[in-house]
Amino acid sequence: MVAKVIDETCVGCGLCVDACPEVFVMEGDKAIVKGDAIPAEAKENAEKAKSDCPVEAITIEG
């Protein structure tokens, strides 16, 4: 599974980082994805981060 943050949509609220710091990190005023694939142990938290995003700026594929 791969997570992506849509930069143009992200408002920098940080909820994804709170929900899944294994995958998401703040860079400046936007969230970014730390690595390529979501670690197996972080999949549930990554899905929570996606559902928590108030502007639907996170996609998860795979």
PDB file of N, CA and C in Angstrom:
ATOM      1  N   MET A   1       0.843  -1.185   0.000  1.00  0.00           N
ATOM      2  CA  MET A   1       0.000   0.000   0.000  1.00  0.00           C
ATOM      3  C   MET A   1       0.884   1.243   0.000  1.00  0.00           C
ATOM      4  N   VAL A   2       0.416   2.252  -0.731  1.00  0.00           N
ATOM      5  CA  VAL A   2       1.161   3.497  -0.846  1.00  0.00           C
ATOM      6  C   VAL A   2       0.231   4.658  -0.515  1.00  0.00           C
ATOM      7  N   ALA A   3       0.689   5.560   0.341  1.00  0.00           N
ATOM      8  CA  ALA A   3      -0.074   6.753   0.690  1.00  0.00           C
ATOM      9  C   ALA A   3       0.489   7.947  -0.060  1.00  0.00           C
ATOM     10  N   LYS A   4      -0.399   8.872  -0.404  1.00  0.00           N
ATOM     11  CA  LYS A   4       0.013  10.124  -1.035  1.00  0.00           C
ATOM     12  C   LYS A   4      -0.776  11.256  -0.403  1.00  0.00           C
ATOM     13  N   VAL A   5      -0.124  12.412  -0.293  1.00  0.00           N
ATOM     14  CA  VAL A   5      -0.795  13.621   0.169  1.00  0.00           C
ATOM     15  C   VAL A   5      -0.893  14.558  -1.027  1.00  0.00           C
ATOM     16  N   ILE A   6      -2.093  15.018  -1.324  1.00  0.00           N
ATOM     17  CA  ILE A   6      -2.298  15.962  -2.415  1.00  0.00           C
ATOM     18  C   ILE A   6      -1.928  17.342  -1.887  1.00  0.00           C
ATOM     19  N   ASP A   7      -0.764  17.821  -2.315  1.00  0.00           N
ATOM     20  CA  ASP A   7      -0.186  19.050  -1.778  1.00  0.00           C
ATOM     21  C   ASP A   7      -1.116  20.256  -1.943  1.00  0.00           C
ATOM     22  N   GLU A   8      -1.767  20.357  -3.087  1.00  0.00           N
ATOM     23  CA  GLU A   8      -2.634  21.506  -3.355  1.00  0.00           C
ATOM     24  C   GLU A   8      -3.863  21.520  -2.459  1.00  0.00           C
ATOM     25  N   THR A   9      -4.233  20.362  -1.938  1.00  0.00           N
ATOM     26  CA  THR A   9      -5.436  20.237  -1.115  1.00  0.00           C
ATOM     27  C   THR A   9      -5.128  20.317   0.376  1.00  0.00           C
ATOM     28  N   CYS A  10      -3.955  19.843   0.775  1.00  0.00           N
ATOM     29  CA  CYS A  10      -3.572  19.790   2.191  1.00  0.00           C
ATOM     30  C   CYS A  10      -3.612  21.181   2.819  1.00  0.00           C
ATOM     31  N   VAL A  11      -4.248  21.275   4.000  1.00  0.00           N
ATOM     32  CA  VAL A  11      -4.318  22.542   4.729  1.00  0.00           C
ATOM     33  C   VAL A  11      -3.362  22.576   5.916  1.00  0.00           C
ATOM     34  N   GLY A  12      -2.605  21.513   6.100  1.00  0.00           N
ATOM     35  CA  GLY A  12      -1.588  21.495   7.151  1.00  0.00           C
ATOM     36  C   GLY A  12      -2.117  21.375   8.562  1.00  0.00           C
ATOM     37  N   CYS A  13      -3.260  20.724   8.737  1.00  0.00           N
ATOM     38  CA  CYS A  13      -3.845  20.615  10.073  1.00  0.00           C
ATOM     39  C   CYS A  13      -3.078  19.652  10.980  1.00  0.00           C
ATOM     40  N   GLY A  14      -2.375  18.684  10.393  1.00  0.00           N
ATOM     41  CA  GLY A  14      -1.574  17.751  11.178  1.00  0.00           C
ATOM     42  C   GLY A  14      -2.317  16.561  11.745  1.00  0.00           C
ATOM     43  N   LEU A  15      -3.593  16.403  11.430  1.00  0.00           N
ATOM     44  CA  LEU A  15      -4.345  15.267  11.962  1.00  0.00           C
ATOM     45  C   LEU A  15      -3.780  13.938  11.474  1.00  0.00           C
ATOM     46  N   CYS A  16      -3.268  13.912  10.249  1.00  0.00           N
ATOM     47  CA  CYS A  16      -2.690  12.665   9.729  1.00  0.00           C
ATOM     48  C   CYS A  16      -1.430  12.286  10.492  1.00  0.00           C
ATOM     49  N   VAL A  17      -0.636  13.281  10.860  1.00  0.00           N
ATOM     50  CA  VAL A  17       0.583  13.024  11.634  1.00  0.00           C
ATOM     51  C   VAL A  17       0.213  12.499  13.016  1.00  0.00           C
ATOM     52  N   ASP A  18      -0.830  13.065  13.610  1.00  0.00           N
ATOM     53  CA  ASP A  18      -1.297  12.586  14.914  1.00  0.00           C
ATOM     54  C   ASP A  18      -1.777  11.136  14.826  1.00  0.00           C
ATOM     55  N   ALA A  19      -2.500  10.805  13.748  1.00  0.00           N
ATOM     56  CA  ALA A  19      -3.068   9.464  13.601  1.00  0.00           C
ATOM     57  C   ALA A  19      -2.030   8.429  13.189  1.00  0.00           C
ATOM     58  N   CYS A  20      -1.043   8.850  12.394  1.00  0.00           N
ATOM     59  CA  CYS A  20      -0.099   7.874  11.841  1.00  0.00           C
ATOM     60  C   CYS A  20       1.289   8.490  11.623  1.00  0.00           C
ATOM     61  N   PRO A  21       2.004   8.743  12.711  1.00  0.00           N
ATOM     62  CA  PRO A  21       3.342   9.342  12.574  1.00  0.00           C
ATOM     63  C   PRO A  21       4.357   8.420  11.903  1.00  0.00           C
ATOM     64  N   GLU A  22       4.015   7.130  11.774  1.00  0.00           N
ATOM     65  CA  GLU A  22       4.900   6.195  11.078  1.00  0.00           C
ATOM     66  C   GLU A  22       4.962   6.502   9.581  1.00  0.00           C
ATOM     67  N   VAL A  23       3.912   7.146   9.054  1.00  0.00           N
ATOM     68  CA  VAL A  23       3.805   7.375   7.612  1.00  0.00           C
ATOM     69  C   VAL A  23       3.860   8.861   7.253  1.00  0.00           C
ATOM     70  N   PHE A  24       3.247   9.714   8.089  1.00  0.00           N
ATOM     71  CA  PHE A  24       3.127  11.127   7.746  1.00  0.00           C
ATOM     72  C   PHE A  24       3.972  12.004   8.655  1.00  0.00           C
ATOM     73  N   VAL A  25       4.479  13.100   8.090  1.00  0.00           N
ATOM     74  CA  VAL A  25       5.268  14.065   8.839  1.00  0.00           C
ATOM     75  C   VAL A  25       4.971  15.450   8.257  1.00  0.00           C
ATOM     76  N   MET A  26       5.066  16.468   9.099  1.00  0.00           N
ATOM     77  CA  MET A  26       4.884  17.831   8.610  1.00  0.00           C
ATOM     78  C   MET A  26       6.200  18.342   8.036  1.00  0.00           C
ATOM     79  N   GLU A  27       6.108  18.963   6.879  1.00  0.00           N
ATOM     80  CA  GLU A  27       7.258  19.628   6.267  1.00  0.00           C
ATOM     81  C   GLU A  27       6.801  21.039   5.936  1.00  0.00           C
ATOM     82  N   GLY A  28       7.273  21.991   6.730  1.00  0.00           N
ATOM     83  CA  GLY A  28       6.754  23.346   6.594  1.00  0.00           C
ATOM     84  C   GLY A  28       5.308  23.371   7.047  1.00  0.00           C
ATOM     85  N   ASP A  29       4.436  23.864   6.176  1.00  0.00           N
ATOM     86  CA  ASP A  29       3.022  23.963   6.547  1.00  0.00           C
ATOM     87  C   ASP A  29       2.156  22.901   5.868  1.00  0.00           C
ATOM     88  N   LYS A  30       2.784  21.840   5.367  1.00  0.00           N
ATOM     89  CA  LYS A  30       2.055  20.757   4.705  1.00  0.00           C
ATOM     90  C   LYS A  30       2.521  19.404   5.226  1.00  0.00           C
ATOM     91  N   ALA A  31       1.661  18.420   5.110  1.00  0.00           N
ATOM     92  CA  ALA A  31       2.035  17.044   5.457  1.00  0.00           C
ATOM     93  C   ALA A  31       2.644  16.376   4.230  1.00  0.00           C
ATOM     94  N   ILE A  32       3.592  15.489   4.482  1.00  0.00           N
ATOM     95  CA  ILE A  32       4.172  14.675   3.418  1.00  0.00           C
ATOM     96  C   ILE A  32       4.245  13.229   3.902  1.00  0.00           C
ATOM     97  N   VAL A  33       4.454  12.322   2.962  1.00  0.00           N
ATOM     98  CA  VAL A  33       4.620  10.903   3.273  1.00  0.00           C
ATOM     99  C   VAL A  33       6.102  10.638   3.476  1.00  0.00           C
ATOM    100  N   LYS A  34       6.442   9.916   4.551  1.00  0.00           N
ATOM    101  CA  LYS A  34       7.845   9.643   4.904  1.00  0.00           C
ATOM    102  C   LYS A  34       8.558   8.736   3.912  1.00  0.00           C
ATOM    103  N   GLY A  35       7.936   7.668   3.483  1.00  0.00           N
ATOM    104  CA  GLY A  35       8.616   6.676   2.648  1.00  0.00           C
ATOM    105  C   GLY A  35       7.749   6.248   1.490  1.00  0.00           C
ATOM    106  N   ASP A  36       8.126   5.150   0.874  1.00  0.00           N
ATOM    107  CA  ASP A  36       7.383   4.666  -0.284  1.00  0.00           C
ATOM    108  C   ASP A  36       6.154   3.856   0.117  1.00  0.00           C
ATOM    109  N   ALA A  37       6.364   2.727   0.748  1.00  0.00           N
ATOM    110  CA  ALA A  37       5.258   1.841   1.104  1.00  0.00           C
ATOM    111  C   ALA A  37       4.868   2.027   2.568  1.00  0.00           C
ATOM    112  N   ILE A  38       3.586   1.842   2.839  1.00  0.00           N
ATOM    113  CA  ILE A  38       3.098   1.899   4.215  1.00  0.00           C
ATOM    114  C   ILE A  38       3.537   0.616   4.913  1.00  0.00           C
ATOM    115  N   PRO A  39       4.228   0.721   6.045  1.00  0.00           N
ATOM    116  CA  PRO A  39       4.614  -0.493   6.777  1.00  0.00           C
ATOM    117  C   PRO A  39       3.370  -1.281   7.208  1.00  0.00           C
ATOM    118  N   ALA A  40       3.475  -2.589   7.221  1.00  0.00           N
ATOM    119  CA  ALA A  40       2.337  -3.450   7.558  1.00  0.00           C
ATOM    120  C   ALA A  40       1.707  -3.065   8.889  1.00  0.00           C
ATOM    121  N   GLU A  41       2.535  -2.740   9.876  1.00  0.00           N
ATOM    122  CA  GLU A  41       2.016  -2.412  11.204  1.00  0.00           C
ATOM    123  C   GLU A  41       1.342  -1.045  11.260  1.00  0.00           C
ATOM    124  N   ALA A  42       1.454  -0.238  10.195  1.00  0.00           N
ATOM    125  CA  ALA A  42       0.880   1.108  10.194  1.00  0.00           C
ATOM    126  C   ALA A  42      -0.343   1.231   9.289  1.00  0.00           C
ATOM    127  N   LYS A  43      -0.767   0.143   8.663  1.00  0.00           N
ATOM    128  CA  LYS A  43      -1.867   0.221   7.696  1.00  0.00           C
ATOM    129  C   LYS A  43      -3.160   0.731   8.314  1.00  0.00           C
ATOM    130  N   GLU A  44      -3.502   0.229   9.490  1.00  0.00           N
ATOM    131  CA  GLU A  44      -4.742   0.662  10.148  1.00  0.00           C
ATOM    132  C   GLU A  44      -4.680   2.151  10.492  1.00  0.00           C
ATOM    133  N   ASN A  45      -3.545   2.599  11.014  1.00  0.00           N
ATOM    134  CA  ASN A  45      -3.387   4.012  11.358  1.00  0.00           C
ATOM    135  C   ASN A  45      -3.382   4.895  10.112  1.00  0.00           C
ATOM    136  N   ALA A  46      -2.829   4.402   9.013  1.00  0.00           N
ATOM    137  CA  ALA A  46      -2.827   5.172   7.766  1.00  0.00           C
ATOM    138  C   ALA A  46      -4.251   5.354   7.247  1.00  0.00           C
ATOM    139  N   GLU A  47      -5.060   4.309   7.348  1.00  0.00           N
ATOM    140  CA  GLU A  47      -6.469   4.418   6.951  1.00  0.00           C
ATOM    141  C   GLU A  47      -7.206   5.412   7.850  1.00  0.00           C
ATOM    142  N   LYS A  48      -6.881   5.415   9.147  1.00  0.00           N
ATOM    143  CA  LYS A  48      -7.487   6.386  10.067  1.00  0.00           C
ATOM    144  C   LYS A  48      -7.082   7.796   9.676  1.00  0.00           C
ATOM    145  N   ALA A  49      -5.814   7.990   9.325  1.00  0.00           N
ATOM    146  CA  ALA A  49      -5.338   9.306   8.902  1.00  0.00           C
ATOM    147  C   ALA A  49      -6.112   9.782   7.675  1.00  0.00           C
ATOM    148  N   LYS A  50      -6.322   8.881   6.735  1.00  0.00           N
ATOM    149  CA  LYS A  50      -7.084   9.228   5.529  1.00  0.00           C
ATOM    150  C   LYS A  50      -8.503   9.646   5.889  1.00  0.00           C
ATOM    151  N   SER A  51      -9.156   8.886   6.752  1.00  0.00           N
ATOM    152  CA  SER A  51     -10.537   9.208   7.118  1.00  0.00           C
ATOM    153  C   SER A  51     -10.629  10.455   7.994  1.00  0.00           C
ATOM    154  N   ASP A  52      -9.573  10.748   8.757  1.00  0.00           N
ATOM    155  CA  ASP A  52      -9.564  11.938   9.615  1.00  0.00           C
ATOM    156  C   ASP A  52      -9.329  13.230   8.837  1.00  0.00           C
ATOM    157  N   CYS A  53      -8.741  13.138   7.647  1.00  0.00           N
ATOM    158  CA  CYS A  53      -8.373  14.339   6.890  1.00  0.00           C
ATOM    159  C   CYS A  53      -9.626  15.145   6.534  1.00  0.00           C
ATOM    160  N   PRO A  54      -9.717  16.397   7.000  1.00  0.00           N
ATOM    161  CA  PRO A  54     -10.934  17.181   6.780  1.00  0.00           C
ATOM    162  C   PRO A  54     -11.117  17.646   5.335  1.00  0.00           C
ATOM    163  N   VAL A  55     -10.052  17.599   4.531  1.00  0.00           N
ATOM    164  CA  VAL A  55     -10.150  18.067   3.147  1.00  0.00           C
ATOM    165  C   VAL A  55      -9.897  16.951   2.127  1.00  0.00           C
ATOM    166  N   GLU A  56      -9.861  15.700   2.601  1.00  0.00           N
ATOM    167  CA  GLU A  56      -9.666  14.527   1.745  1.00  0.00           C
ATOM    168  C   GLU A  56      -8.418  14.648   0.874  1.00  0.00           C
ATOM    169  N   ALA A  57      -7.298  15.056   1.501  1.00  0.00           N
ATOM    170  CA  ALA A  57      -6.036  15.254   0.785  1.00  0.00           C
ATOM    171  C   ALA A  57      -5.165  14.005   0.757  1.00  0.00           C
ATOM    172  N   ILE A  58      -5.633  12.905   1.338  1.00  0.00           N
ATOM    173  CA  ILE A  58      -4.831  11.681   1.407  1.00  0.00           C
ATOM    174  C   ILE A  58      -5.466  10.598   0.549  1.00  0.00           C
ATOM    175  N   THR A  59      -4.624   9.962  -0.265  1.00  0.00           N
ATOM    176  CA  THR A  59      -5.060   8.791  -1.015  1.00  0.00           C
ATOM    177  C   THR A  59      -4.209   7.606  -0.590  1.00  0.00           C
ATOM    178  N   ILE A  60      -4.806   6.440  -0.607  1.00  0.00           N
ATOM    179  CA  ILE A  60      -4.086   5.201  -0.311  1.00  0.00           C
ATOM    180  C   ILE A  60      -4.410   4.223  -1.426  1.00  0.00           C
ATOM    181  N   GLU A  61      -3.363   3.701  -2.050  1.00  0.00           N
ATOM    182  CA  GLU A  61      -3.527   2.775  -3.173  1.00  0.00           C
ATOM    183  C   GLU A  61      -2.795   1.475  -2.884  1.00  0.00           C
ATOM    184  N   GLY A  62      -3.303   0.411  -3.475  1.00  0.00           N
ATOM    185  CA  GLY A  62      -2.608  -0.868  -3.371  1.00  0.00           C
ATOM    186  C   GLY A  62      -3.174  -1.826  -2.437  1.00  0.00           C
TER     187      GLY A  62
END
